[in-house]
């Protein structure tokens, strides 16, 4: 049976910290190796929602299944096109989704929205690199 957690955050500079705190509160239910990646990714994506999302709250939803942890960050923005990283380390921006690509098993967006989701397999630890 899946455990679901949902949190509505006011679109303020405090929202990323509140999202990190939410991950910490879920920590006992999450495998230890998943917590740092989830904390980083949620912080990055909520920060993007605060900076670029539309009016209204940011929603964080986490569903923990036995074989996957699905996390969704939803705001009221008008949508976006993910920025491709081109290896130019001096260029600002675009790192949030690059991190999502590197640290998750699957991820995506809903076209025409700012609803980003990612999944992590809690049964396998990522190799340290």
Protein backbone atom coordinates (compact mmCIF):
# COMPACT_ATOMS: atom_id res chain seq x y z
CA UNK A 1 0.00 0.00 0.00
CA UNK A 2 1.30 3.45 -0.92
CA UNK A 3 1.85 6.19 1.61
CA UNK A 4 0.98 9.66 0.32
CA UNK A 5 2.12 13.02 1.62
CA UNK A 6 0.84 16.35 0.33
CA UNK A 7 1.85 19.85 1.34
CA UNK A 8 0.71 23.23 0.06
CA UNK A 9 3.38 25.92 0.34
CA UNK A 10 2.89 29.66 0.10
CA UNK A 11 4.94 31.04 -2.79
CA UNK A 12 7.53 32.77 -0.61
CA UNK A 13 11.28 32.57 -0.14
CA UNK A 14 10.59 30.22 2.81
CA UNK A 15 8.95 27.57 0.59
CA UNK A 16 12.16 25.66 -0.36
CA UNK A 17 13.14 25.37 3.31
CA UNK A 18 9.66 24.20 4.23
CA UNK A 19 9.87 21.58 1.47
CA UNK A 20 13.25 20.38 2.82
CA UNK A 21 11.72 20.18 6.30
CA UNK A 22 8.89 18.08 4.88
CA UNK A 23 11.42 15.57 3.50
CA UNK A 24 13.11 15.46 6.92
CA UNK A 25 9.75 14.68 8.56
CA UNK A 26 9.23 11.84 6.08
CA UNK A 27 12.76 10.57 6.65
CA UNK A 28 11.83 7.55 8.86
CA UNK A 29 9.64 6.23 6.05
CA UNK A 30 12.26 6.75 3.33
CA UNK A 31 15.36 4.66 2.70
CA UNK A 32 18.44 6.49 3.99
CA UNK A 33 20.14 6.60 0.57
CA UNK A 34 17.12 8.37 -1.00
CA UNK A 35 16.84 11.29 1.44
CA UNK A 36 19.78 13.48 0.23
CA UNK A 37 18.75 13.27 -3.44
CA UNK A 38 15.09 13.93 -2.70
CA UNK A 39 15.97 16.87 -0.46
CA UNK A 40 18.17 18.45 -3.15
CA UNK A 41 15.66 17.88 -5.96
CA UNK A 42 12.63 19.12 -4.03
CA UNK A 43 14.58 22.20 -2.94
CA UNK A 44 15.64 22.97 -6.54
CA UNK A 45 12.19 22.45 -8.03
CA UNK A 46 10.31 24.37 -5.34
CA UNK A 47 12.81 27.22 -5.76
CA UNK A 48 12.01 27.25 -9.50
CA UNK A 49 8.29 27.34 -8.69
CA UNK A 50 8.76 30.28 -6.34
CA UNK A 51 10.89 32.18 -8.89
CA UNK A 52 8.98 31.42 -12.07
CA UNK A 53 5.56 30.01 -11.17
CA UNK A 54 2.35 31.94 -11.39
CA UNK A 55 0.29 33.33 -8.57
CA UNK A 56 -0.86 30.98 -5.90
CA UNK A 57 0.68 28.20 -3.85
CA UNK A 58 3.21 25.53 -4.70
CA UNK A 59 2.08 21.98 -4.06
CA UNK A 60 4.45 19.17 -3.06
CA UNK A 61 3.10 15.63 -3.35
CA UNK A 62 5.07 12.50 -2.49
CA UNK A 63 3.77 8.98 -2.94
CA UNK A 64 5.91 6.19 -1.52
CA UNK A 65 5.24 2.83 -3.12
CA UNK A 66 7.29 -0.26 -2.34
CA UNK A 67 9.09 -0.04 -5.69
CA UNK A 68 9.11 3.73 -6.37
CA UNK A 69 8.87 7.10 -4.72
CA UNK A 70 7.04 9.58 -6.92
CA UNK A 71 7.42 13.27 -6.15
CA UNK A 72 5.46 16.04 -7.85
CA UNK A 73 5.88 19.80 -7.64
CA UNK A 74 2.94 21.77 -9.00
CA UNK A 75 2.43 25.50 -9.33
CA UNK A 76 0.17 27.82 -11.25
CA UNK A 77 2.71 28.89 -13.89
CA UNK A 78 1.93 28.99 -17.59
CA UNK A 79 4.40 26.27 -18.53
CA UNK A 80 8.00 26.14 -19.63
CA UNK A 81 10.44 24.47 -21.96
CA UNK A 82 13.27 22.67 -20.15
CA UNK A 83 16.70 24.22 -20.82
CA UNK A 84 19.31 21.83 -22.23
CA UNK A 85 22.70 21.95 -20.52
CA UNK A 86 25.46 22.29 -23.10
CA UNK A 87 28.57 21.83 -20.97
CA UNK A 88 29.16 25.57 -20.52
CA UNK A 89 29.67 25.69 -16.77
CA UNK A 90 29.77 29.49 -16.74
CA UNK A 91 26.19 29.76 -17.99
CA UNK A 92 23.64 30.42 -15.26
CA UNK A 93 20.40 28.50 -14.88
CA UNK A 94 19.12 25.19 -16.09
CA UNK A 95 20.77 23.11 -13.37
CA UNK A 96 17.57 22.02 -11.57
CA UNK A 97 16.28 19.76 -14.33
CA UNK A 98 19.81 18.57 -15.11
CA UNK A 99 20.01 17.35 -11.52
CA UNK A 100 16.60 15.72 -11.86
CA UNK A 101 17.84 13.88 -14.96
CA UNK A 102 20.99 12.67 -13.20
CA UNK A 103 19.51 11.66 -9.83
CA UNK A 104 16.21 10.01 -10.75
CA UNK A 105 15.04 6.90 -12.53
CA UNK A 106 12.28 8.70 -14.45
CA UNK A 107 11.01 12.25 -14.64
CA UNK A 108 8.83 14.47 -16.74
CA UNK A 109 6.56 17.45 -17.04
CA UNK A 110 2.98 17.86 -18.10
CA UNK A 111 3.01 19.83 -21.35
CA UNK A 112 1.75 23.37 -21.00
CA UNK A 113 2.13 23.41 -17.23
CA UNK A 114 4.71 23.78 -14.52
CA UNK A 115 3.92 20.40 -13.03
CA UNK A 116 7.21 18.47 -12.71
CA UNK A 117 7.40 14.91 -11.42
CA UNK A 118 10.19 12.45 -10.75
CA UNK A 119 10.50 8.87 -9.55
CA UNK A 120 13.25 7.19 -7.58
CA UNK A 121 13.53 3.44 -7.06
CA UNK A 122 14.01 3.06 -3.30
CA UNK A 123 15.18 -0.53 -3.64
CA UNK A 124 18.46 0.35 -5.35
CA UNK A 125 21.19 2.63 -4.09
CA UNK A 126 22.86 4.94 -6.60
CA UNK A 127 26.58 4.43 -7.10
CA UNK A 128 28.72 7.22 -5.68
CA UNK A 129 30.54 8.92 -8.42
